[in-house]
Amino acid sequence: MHNNHILMTQKGYEDLSRKLAQLEKELEQLRLYKGKEAIEAGDHWHDNPTLYLAEMQERILLRQIADLRDRLSRAKIVKPAEDNNVVDIGLSVVLQFEDGSIECFELLGHEDGNPSKGTVSLLSPLGKAILGARVGEVREYQVGSDSRKVVVLKISVPPRKKLASSDE
């Protein structure tokens, strides 16, 4: 299973890369702290509970870093579709839910979904349901044992966010 590609957008890849860099920086800082702690209070965990906790945190960070490196190595960048007549990865879609609420989401890769931030993973029940849909289509998806319906109101290429420049 580790040879399987993980579909993600360029943004998703960049987000994971930033998270990896952040964790590697945290690991470096933790190791400096751990070294200082070992010198000051002893390098045996039974004599130095702070060192023991730092070692536990180091193991957690190493696992998280290994996981992110694995995911990034299996990442397959999917570019947003040129044709916005059909819901596809990287496109924005406006949906109307059964309760009448209307929400806009960007359909993203395997691990990019965060509905509270306006993104839906293509592997989520909603993502699977709307993938390939056209405007006006009603799609059904499962939430637990409940079946829900959603109508696709609009499909568009999302605006690209301008990154803050250091010149400002």
N, C-alpha and C. Protein backbone atom coordinates (compact mmCIF):
# COMPACT_ATOMS: atom_id res chain seq x y z
N MET A 1 0.82 -1.20 0.00
CA MET A 1 0.00 0.00 0.00
C MET A 1 0.86 1.26 0.00
N HIS A 2 2.09 1.18 0.48
CA HIS A 2 2.94 2.36 0.53
C HIS A 2 3.38 2.82 -0.85
N ASN A 3 3.15 2.04 -1.90
CA ASN A 3 3.50 2.48 -3.24
C ASN A 3 2.39 3.27 -3.89
N ASN A 4 1.23 3.31 -3.25
CA ASN A 4 0.09 4.03 -3.82
C ASN A 4 0.35 5.52 -3.82
N HIS A 5 -0.05 6.15 -4.91
CA HIS A 5 0.07 7.60 -5.00
C HIS A 5 -0.98 8.25 -4.12
N ILE A 6 -0.64 9.40 -3.63
CA ILE A 6 -1.58 10.23 -2.89
C ILE A 6 -1.83 11.44 -3.75
N LEU A 7 -3.06 11.58 -4.23
CA LEU A 7 -3.41 12.71 -5.07
C LEU A 7 -3.54 13.97 -4.23
N MET A 8 -2.87 15.02 -4.67
CA MET A 8 -3.01 16.30 -3.98
C MET A 8 -2.73 17.44 -4.95
N THR A 9 -3.22 18.58 -4.57
CA THR A 9 -2.95 19.77 -5.37
C THR A 9 -1.55 20.29 -5.03
N GLN A 10 -1.06 21.21 -5.82
CA GLN A 10 0.23 21.84 -5.54
C GLN A 10 0.18 22.52 -4.18
N LYS A 11 -0.94 23.17 -3.88
CA LYS A 11 -1.11 23.84 -2.60
C LYS A 11 -1.03 22.83 -1.46
N GLY A 12 -1.68 21.69 -1.61
CA GLY A 12 -1.64 20.66 -0.58
C GLY A 12 -0.22 20.16 -0.36
N TYR A 13 0.51 19.99 -1.46
CA TYR A 13 1.90 19.55 -1.38
C TYR A 13 2.75 20.59 -0.65
N GLU A 14 2.54 21.83 -0.99
CA GLU A 14 3.29 22.92 -0.35
C GLU A 14 2.96 23.02 1.14
N ASP A 15 1.68 22.83 1.48
CA ASP A 15 1.27 22.86 2.89
C ASP A 15 1.95 21.74 3.67
N LEU A 16 1.97 20.53 3.11
CA LEU A 16 2.65 19.41 3.78
C LEU A 16 4.14 19.66 3.90
N SER A 17 4.73 20.25 2.86
CA SER A 17 6.16 20.56 2.90
C SER A 17 6.48 21.56 4.00
N ARG A 18 5.60 22.57 4.14
CA ARG A 18 5.79 23.56 5.21
C ARG A 18 5.65 22.91 6.58
N LYS A 19 4.68 22.02 6.72
CA LYS A 19 4.49 21.32 7.99
C LYS A 19 5.72 20.46 8.31
N LEU A 20 6.27 19.79 7.30
CA LEU A 20 7.48 18.99 7.50
C LEU A 20 8.64 19.88 7.97
N ALA A 21 8.83 21.00 7.32
CA ALA A 21 9.91 21.92 7.71
C ALA A 21 9.71 22.42 9.14
N GLN A 22 8.47 22.69 9.51
CA GLN A 22 8.16 23.14 10.86
C GLN A 22 8.49 22.04 11.88
N LEU A 23 8.11 20.81 11.60
CA LEU A 23 8.40 19.70 12.51
C LEU A 23 9.89 19.44 12.62
N GLU A 24 10.61 19.56 11.49
CA GLU A 24 12.07 19.37 11.53
C GLU A 24 12.73 20.46 12.37
N LYS A 25 12.22 21.68 12.30
CA LYS A 25 12.75 22.76 13.12
C LYS A 25 12.46 22.50 14.60
N GLU A 26 11.23 22.04 14.90
CA GLU A 26 10.88 21.70 16.27
C GLU A 26 11.79 20.59 16.81
N LEU A 27 12.08 19.61 15.97
CA LEU A 27 12.96 18.51 16.37
C LEU A 27 14.36 19.02 16.69
N GLU A 28 14.86 19.90 15.84
CA GLU A 28 16.19 20.47 16.07
C GLU A 28 16.23 21.23 17.40
N GLN A 29 15.19 22.04 17.66
CA GLN A 29 15.14 22.79 18.91
C GLN A 29 15.01 21.86 20.11
N LEU A 30 14.21 20.82 19.97
CA LEU A 30 14.04 19.86 21.05
C LEU A 30 15.35 19.14 21.36
N ARG A 31 16.09 18.79 20.32
CA ARG A 31 17.36 18.12 20.53
C ARG A 31 18.37 19.03 21.22
N LEU A 32 18.37 20.31 20.89
CA LEU A 32 19.24 21.26 21.59
C LEU A 32 18.86 21.35 23.07
N TYR A 33 17.56 21.43 23.32
CA TYR A 33 17.06 21.50 24.69
C TYR A 33 17.42 20.22 25.44
N LYS A 34 17.23 19.09 24.77
CA LYS A 34 17.52 17.79 25.39
C LYS A 34 19.00 17.68 25.77
N GLY A 35 19.86 18.13 24.89
CA GLY A 35 21.30 18.11 25.17
C GLY A 35 21.65 18.98 26.36
N LYS A 36 21.06 20.15 26.40
CA LYS A 36 21.30 21.07 27.52
C LYS A 36 20.78 20.46 28.82
N GLU A 37 19.61 19.87 28.76
CA GLU A 37 19.00 19.25 29.94
C GLU A 37 19.85 18.07 30.44
N ALA A 38 20.38 17.30 29.52
CA ALA A 38 21.21 16.15 29.89
C ALA A 38 22.49 16.62 30.59
N ILE A 39 23.06 17.71 30.10
CA ILE A 39 24.29 18.24 30.71
C ILE A 39 24.00 18.79 32.11
N GLU A 40 22.90 19.52 32.23
CA GLU A 40 22.60 20.19 33.49
C GLU A 40 22.05 19.27 34.57
N ALA A 41 21.22 18.30 34.19
CA ALA A 41 20.52 17.51 35.21
C ALA A 41 20.74 16.01 35.10
N GLY A 42 21.62 15.58 34.24
CA GLY A 42 21.88 14.15 34.12
C GLY A 42 21.24 13.56 32.89
N ASP A 43 21.91 12.55 32.32
CA ASP A 43 21.42 11.99 31.06
C ASP A 43 20.71 10.64 31.23
N HIS A 44 20.26 10.33 32.43
CA HIS A 44 19.47 9.11 32.65
C HIS A 44 18.04 9.49 32.96
N TRP A 45 17.11 8.90 32.25
CA TRP A 45 15.71 9.28 32.38
C TRP A 45 15.20 9.11 33.81
N HIS A 46 15.70 8.11 34.55
CA HIS A 46 15.19 7.89 35.90
C HIS A 46 15.68 8.98 36.86
N ASP A 47 16.74 9.66 36.49
CA ASP A 47 17.25 10.78 37.30
C ASP A 47 16.72 12.12 36.81
N ASN A 48 16.16 12.14 35.61
CA ASN A 48 15.79 13.41 34.98
C ASN A 48 14.47 13.25 34.22
N PRO A 49 13.33 13.43 34.90
CA PRO A 49 12.04 13.25 34.22
C PRO A 49 11.83 14.23 33.06
N THR A 50 12.43 15.40 33.12
CA THR A 50 12.31 16.36 32.02
C THR A 50 12.96 15.81 30.76
N LEU A 51 14.11 15.15 30.94
CA LEU A 51 14.79 14.53 29.81
C LEU A 51 13.94 13.40 29.23
N TYR A 52 13.33 12.63 30.11
CA TYR A 52 12.45 11.54 29.67
C TYR A 52 11.31 12.09 28.81
N LEU A 53 10.67 13.15 29.27
CA LEU A 53 9.58 13.76 28.49
C LEU A 53 10.08 14.28 27.15
N ALA A 54 11.26 14.86 27.13
CA ALA A 54 11.84 15.36 25.88
C ALA A 54 12.11 14.21 24.92
N GLU A 55 12.56 13.07 25.45
CA GLU A 55 12.81 11.90 24.60
C GLU A 55 11.51 11.35 24.03
N MET A 56 10.45 11.37 24.82
CA MET A 56 9.14 10.92 24.32
C MET A 56 8.65 11.85 23.21
N GLN A 57 8.80 13.15 23.42
CA GLN A 57 8.40 14.12 22.41
C GLN A 57 9.23 13.95 21.14
N GLU A 58 10.52 13.65 21.30
CA GLU A 58 11.39 13.42 20.15
C GLU A 58 10.91 12.23 19.33
N ARG A 59 10.51 11.16 19.99
CA ARG A 59 9.99 9.98 19.27
C ARG A 59 8.72 10.32 18.49
N ILE A 60 7.85 11.10 19.11
CA ILE A 60 6.61 11.51 18.44
C ILE A 60 6.94 12.33 17.19
N LEU A 61 7.83 13.29 17.33
CA LEU A 61 8.22 14.13 16.19
C LEU A 61 8.86 13.29 15.09
N LEU A 62 9.71 12.34 15.45
CA LEU A 62 10.35 11.49 14.44
C LEU A 62 9.32 10.68 13.66
N ARG A 63 8.30 10.18 14.35
CA ARG A 63 7.23 9.44 13.66
C ARG A 63 6.45 10.35 12.72
N GLN A 64 6.12 11.56 13.20
CA GLN A 64 5.37 12.50 12.37
C GLN A 64 6.19 12.91 11.14
N ILE A 65 7.48 13.14 11.33
CA ILE A 65 8.36 13.51 10.22
C ILE A 65 8.45 12.37 9.21
N ALA A 66 8.60 11.15 9.69
CA ALA A 66 8.68 9.99 8.79
C ALA A 66 7.38 9.84 8.00
N ASP A 67 6.25 10.06 8.66
CA ASP A 67 4.96 9.96 7.98
C ASP A 67 4.83 11.03 6.89
N LEU A 68 5.19 12.26 7.21
CA LEU A 68 5.10 13.33 6.21
C LEU A 68 6.04 13.08 5.04
N ARG A 69 7.26 12.63 5.32
CA ARG A 69 8.19 12.33 4.23
C ARG A 69 7.63 11.23 3.32
N ASP A 70 7.02 10.22 3.93
CA ASP A 70 6.42 9.14 3.14
C ASP A 70 5.29 9.68 2.27
N ARG A 71 4.41 10.48 2.85
CA ARG A 71 3.29 11.03 2.08
C ARG A 71 3.77 11.93 0.95
N LEU A 72 4.78 12.75 1.24
CA LEU A 72 5.31 13.63 0.19
C LEU A 72 6.00 12.82 -0.91
N SER A 73 6.66 11.72 -0.55
CA SER A 73 7.33 10.90 -1.56
C SER A 73 6.32 10.19 -2.46
N ARG A 74 5.11 9.95 -1.96
CA ARG A 74 4.08 9.27 -2.76
C ARG A 74 3.10 10.24 -3.40
N ALA A 75 3.33 11.53 -3.18
CA ALA A 75 2.40 12.55 -3.69
C ALA A 75 2.41 12.60 -5.21
N LYS A 76 1.24 12.70 -5.75
CA LYS A 76 1.08 12.93 -7.19
C LYS A 76 0.29 14.23 -7.32
N ILE A 77 0.97 15.24 -7.86
CA ILE A 77 0.35 16.56 -7.98
C ILE A 77 -0.67 16.52 -9.11
N VAL A 78 -1.88 16.94 -8.78
CA VAL A 78 -2.96 17.00 -9.76
C VAL A 78 -3.26 18.46 -10.01
N LYS A 79 -3.18 18.85 -11.26
CA LYS A 79 -3.47 20.25 -11.62
C LYS A 79 -4.97 20.43 -11.76
N PRO A 80 -5.45 21.62 -11.39
CA PRO A 80 -6.88 21.89 -11.57
C PRO A 80 -7.29 21.73 -13.03
N ALA A 81 -8.48 21.22 -13.21
CA ALA A 81 -8.99 21.00 -14.56
C ALA A 81 -9.13 22.32 -15.30
N GLU A 82 -8.89 22.26 -16.59
CA GLU A 82 -9.07 23.44 -17.44
C GLU A 82 -10.57 23.68 -17.70
N ASP A 83 -11.31 22.58 -17.77
CA ASP A 83 -12.74 22.63 -18.07
C ASP A 83 -13.51 22.69 -16.76
N ASN A 84 -14.20 23.80 -16.52
CA ASN A 84 -14.95 23.89 -15.29
C ASN A 84 -16.44 23.58 -15.49
N ASN A 85 -16.75 22.70 -16.43
CA ASN A 85 -18.13 22.25 -16.64
C ASN A 85 -18.45 21.04 -15.78
N VAL A 86 -17.40 20.41 -15.23
CA VAL A 86 -17.56 19.20 -14.42
C VAL A 86 -16.74 19.38 -13.15
N VAL A 87 -17.31 19.00 -12.00
CA VAL A 87 -16.59 19.10 -10.74
C VAL A 87 -15.36 18.21 -10.79
N ASP A 88 -14.19 18.81 -10.52
CA ASP A 88 -12.94 18.08 -10.55
C ASP A 88 -12.02 18.64 -9.47
N ILE A 89 -10.97 17.92 -9.19
CA ILE A 89 -10.02 18.35 -8.18
C ILE A 89 -9.45 19.72 -8.54
N GLY A 90 -9.36 20.59 -7.52
CA GLY A 90 -8.82 21.92 -7.72
C GLY A 90 -9.85 22.96 -8.12
N LEU A 91 -11.08 22.55 -8.35
CA LEU A 91 -12.12 23.52 -8.72
C LEU A 91 -12.98 23.88 -7.52
N SER A 92 -13.59 25.07 -7.57
CA SER A 92 -14.55 25.50 -6.55
C SER A 92 -15.93 25.10 -7.00
N VAL A 93 -16.74 24.74 -6.03
CA VAL A 93 -18.11 24.34 -6.35
C VAL A 93 -19.05 24.93 -5.30
N VAL A 94 -20.15 25.50 -5.78
CA VAL A 94 -21.18 26.03 -4.89
C VAL A 94 -22.27 24.97 -4.82
N LEU A 95 -22.59 24.57 -3.58
CA LEU A 95 -23.55 23.49 -3.36
C LEU A 95 -24.73 23.97 -2.54
N GLN A 96 -25.91 23.42 -2.85
CA GLN A 96 -27.08 23.66 -2.01
C GLN A 96 -27.44 22.34 -1.35
N PHE A 97 -27.51 22.37 -0.03
CA PHE A 97 -27.81 21.19 0.75
C PHE A 97 -29.31 21.07 0.99
N GLU A 98 -29.75 19.93 1.46
CA GLU A 98 -31.18 19.65 1.66
C GLU A 98 -31.86 20.65 2.58
N ASP A 99 -31.13 21.19 3.55
CA ASP A 99 -31.72 22.15 4.48
C ASP A 99 -31.82 23.56 3.88
N GLY A 100 -31.41 23.69 2.61
CA GLY A 100 -31.48 24.97 1.92
C GLY A 100 -30.21 25.79 2.02
N SER A 101 -29.29 25.39 2.87
CA SER A 101 -28.04 26.14 3.02
C SER A 101 -27.19 26.01 1.75
N ILE A 102 -26.46 27.07 1.48
CA ILE A 102 -25.59 27.12 0.30
C ILE A 102 -24.17 27.37 0.78
N GLU A 103 -23.24 26.54 0.31
CA GLU A 103 -21.84 26.68 0.70
C GLU A 103 -20.95 26.49 -0.51
N CYS A 104 -19.81 27.15 -0.46
CA CYS A 104 -18.80 27.02 -1.51
C CYS A 104 -17.61 26.25 -0.96
N PHE A 105 -17.15 25.25 -1.71
CA PHE A 105 -15.99 24.44 -1.33
C PHE A 105 -15.04 24.33 -2.51
N GLU A 106 -13.78 24.11 -2.19
CA GLU A 106 -12.80 23.76 -3.20
C GLU A 106 -12.53 22.27 -3.04
N LEU A 107 -12.67 21.49 -4.10
CA LEU A 107 -12.42 20.06 -4.05
C LEU A 107 -10.92 19.82 -4.19
N LEU A 108 -10.33 19.22 -3.17
CA LEU A 108 -8.89 19.03 -3.15
C LEU A 108 -8.51 17.57 -3.01
N GLY A 109 -7.21 17.32 -2.90
CA GLY A 109 -6.68 15.96 -2.88
C GLY A 109 -6.99 15.17 -1.63
N HIS A 110 -6.36 13.99 -1.57
CA HIS A 110 -6.60 13.02 -0.51
C HIS A 110 -6.64 13.63 0.89
N GLU A 111 -5.66 14.44 1.20
CA GLU A 111 -5.48 14.89 2.57
C GLU A 111 -5.70 16.38 2.75
N ASP A 112 -6.27 17.01 1.76
CA ASP A 112 -6.40 18.46 1.78
C ASP A 112 -7.70 18.96 2.39
N GLY A 113 -8.64 18.08 2.67
CA GLY A 113 -9.96 18.52 3.08
C GLY A 113 -10.02 19.13 4.46
N ASN A 114 -10.73 20.25 4.56
CA ASN A 114 -11.00 20.91 5.82
C ASN A 114 -12.23 21.79 5.60
N PRO A 115 -13.43 21.21 5.76
CA PRO A 115 -14.66 21.95 5.46
C PRO A 115 -14.77 23.30 6.17
N SER A 116 -14.21 23.41 7.38
CA SER A 116 -14.29 24.69 8.09
C SER A 116 -13.47 25.77 7.39
N LYS A 117 -12.53 25.35 6.54
CA LYS A 117 -11.73 26.30 5.75
C LYS A 117 -12.15 26.32 4.29
N GLY A 118 -13.29 25.69 3.98
CA GLY A 118 -13.83 25.76 2.62
C GLY A 118 -13.23 24.76 1.65
N THR A 119 -12.65 23.68 2.16
CA THR A 119 -12.10 22.66 1.27
C THR A 119 -12.68 21.29 1.62
N VAL A 120 -12.81 20.46 0.58
CA VAL A 120 -13.33 19.10 0.75
C VAL A 120 -12.38 18.14 0.06
N SER A 121 -12.04 17.06 0.74
CA SER A 121 -11.18 16.03 0.15
C SER A 121 -11.99 15.22 -0.86
N LEU A 122 -11.33 14.84 -1.95
CA LEU A 122 -12.03 14.03 -2.94
C LEU A 122 -12.33 12.63 -2.41
N LEU A 123 -11.76 12.24 -1.27
CA LEU A 123 -12.05 10.94 -0.67
C LEU A 123 -13.16 10.98 0.37
N SER A 124 -13.61 12.18 0.73
CA SER A 124 -14.70 12.30 1.70
C SER A 124 -16.00 11.86 1.02
N PRO A 125 -17.02 11.50 1.80
CA PRO A 125 -18.30 11.12 1.18
C PRO A 125 -18.85 12.20 0.26
N LEU A 126 -18.76 13.46 0.69
CA LEU A 126 -19.24 14.56 -0.16
C LEU A 126 -18.37 14.71 -1.39
N GLY A 127 -17.06 14.65 -1.21
CA GLY A 127 -16.13 14.76 -2.34
C GLY A 127 -16.36 13.69 -3.39
N LYS A 128 -16.53 12.45 -2.94
CA LYS A 128 -16.79 11.35 -3.87
C LYS A 128 -18.11 11.57 -4.62
N ALA A 129 -19.10 12.10 -3.91
CA ALA A 129 -20.42 12.31 -4.52
C ALA A 129 -20.40 13.37 -5.61
N ILE A 130 -19.69 14.47 -5.37
CA ILE A 130 -19.75 15.59 -6.32
C ILE A 130 -18.72 15.48 -7.43
N LEU A 131 -17.70 14.64 -7.27
CA LEU A 131 -16.68 14.48 -8.31
C LEU A 131 -17.34 14.04 -9.61
N GLY A 132 -17.13 14.81 -10.67
CA GLY A 132 -17.71 14.48 -11.98
C GLY A 132 -19.10 15.04 -12.21
N ALA A 133 -19.67 15.72 -11.22
CA ALA A 133 -21.02 16.27 -11.37
C ALA A 133 -21.01 17.53 -12.23
N ARG A 134 -22.15 17.84 -12.81
CA ARG A 134 -22.33 19.06 -13.60
C ARG A 134 -23.30 19.99 -12.87
N VAL A 135 -23.31 21.25 -13.28
CA VAL A 135 -24.23 22.22 -12.69
C VAL A 135 -25.67 21.71 -12.86
N GLY A 136 -26.43 21.79 -11.79
CA GLY A 136 -27.83 21.36 -11.80
C GLY A 136 -28.02 19.92 -11.36
N GLU A 137 -26.95 19.16 -11.33
CA GLU A 137 -27.06 17.75 -10.93
C GLU A 137 -27.28 17.62 -9.44
N VAL A 138 -28.10 16.66 -9.08
CA VAL A 138 -28.32 16.30 -7.68
C VAL A 138 -27.50 15.05 -7.41
N ARG A 139 -26.72 15.10 -6.35
CA ARG A 139 -25.89 13.95 -5.98
C ARG A 139 -26.24 13.54 -4.56
N GLU A 140 -26.09 12.26 -4.29
CA GLU A 140 -26.39 11.70 -2.98
C GLU A 140 -25.11 11.22 -2.32
N TYR A 141 -25.03 11.41 -1.01
CA TYR A 141 -23.86 10.94 -0.26
C TYR A 141 -24.31 10.48 1.13
N GLN A 142 -23.47 9.70 1.77
CA GLN A 142 -23.79 9.13 3.08
C GLN A 142 -23.09 9.89 4.19
N VAL A 143 -23.81 10.14 5.26
CA VAL A 143 -23.24 10.66 6.50
C VAL A 143 -23.70 9.68 7.57
N GLY A 144 -22.79 8.80 7.96
CA GLY A 144 -23.17 7.71 8.86
C GLY A 144 -24.16 6.81 8.14
N SER A 145 -25.32 6.61 8.74
CA SER A 145 -26.34 5.78 8.09
C SER A 145 -27.36 6.61 7.33
N ASP A 146 -27.21 7.94 7.38
CA ASP A 146 -28.13 8.84 6.69
C ASP A 146 -27.68 9.12 5.26
N SER A 147 -28.65 9.14 4.36
CA SER A 147 -28.39 9.51 2.97
C SER A 147 -28.82 10.96 2.79
N ARG A 148 -27.92 11.76 2.21
CA ARG A 148 -28.22 13.18 2.01
C ARG A 148 -28.05 13.54 0.55
N LYS A 149 -28.73 14.61 0.15
CA LYS A 149 -28.65 15.08 -1.23
C LYS A 149 -28.09 16.49 -1.27
N VAL A 150 -27.40 16.76 -2.37
CA VAL A 150 -26.81 18.07 -2.58
C VAL A 150 -26.96 18.41 -4.07
N VAL A 151 -27.18 19.69 -4.36
CA VAL A 151 -27.31 20.16 -5.74
C VAL A 151 -26.10 21.03 -6.07
N VAL A 152 -25.51 20.78 -7.23
CA VAL A 152 -24.38 21.59 -7.69
C VAL A 152 -24.95 22.84 -8.36
N LEU A 153 -24.64 24.01 -7.80
CA LEU A 153 -25.16 25.27 -8.33
C LEU A 153 -24.18 25.96 -9.27
N LYS A 154 -22.88 25.83 -8.98
CA LYS A 154 -21.89 26.55 -9.77
C LYS A 154 -20.55 25.84 -9.65
N ILE A 155 -19.78 25.83 -10.73
CA ILE A 155 -18.43 25.27 -10.75
C ILE A 155 -17.52 26.35 -11.32
N SER A 156 -16.39 26.59 -10.67
CA SER A 156 -15.47 27.62 -11.17
C SER A 156 -14.04 27.31 -10.77
N VAL A 157 -13.13 27.99 -11.45
CA VAL A 157 -11.71 27.91 -11.09
C VAL A 157 -11.54 28.87 -9.92
N PRO A 158 -11.00 28.39 -8.79
CA PRO A 158 -10.85 29.29 -7.64
C PRO A 158 -9.82 30.37 -7.91
N PRO A 159 -10.05 31.54 -7.35
CA PRO A 159 -9.05 32.60 -7.51
C PRO A 159 -7.77 32.21 -6.78
N ARG A 160 -6.65 32.50 -7.34
CA ARG A 160 -5.37 32.20 -6.72
C ARG A 160 -5.07 33.27 -5.70
N LYS A 161 -4.76 32.84 -4.49
CA LYS A 161 -4.43 33.79 -3.43
C LYS A 161 -3.05 34.34 -3.65
N LYS A 162 -2.91 35.65 -3.52
CA LYS A 162 -1.61 36.30 -3.67
C LYS A 162 -0.83 36.11 -2.38
N LEU A 163 0.37 35.62 -2.49
CA LEU A 163 1.22 35.44 -1.32
C LEU A 163 1.77 36.80 -0.90
N ALA A 164 1.86 36.99 0.40
CA ALA A 164 2.41 38.24 0.92
C ALA A 164 3.87 38.36 0.50
N SER A 165 4.21 39.50 0.00
CA SER A 165 5.60 39.68 -0.43
C SER A 165 6.37 40.38 0.68
N SER A 166 7.67 40.18 0.67
CA SER A 166 8.52 40.79 1.68
C SER A 166 8.76 42.27 1.40
N ASP A 167 8.29 42.75 0.24
CA ASP A 167 8.50 44.14 -0.14
C ASP A 167 7.50 45.09 0.52
N GLU A 168 6.41 44.50 1.04
CA GLU A 168 5.33 45.34 1.57
C GLU A 168 5.65 45.89 2.93
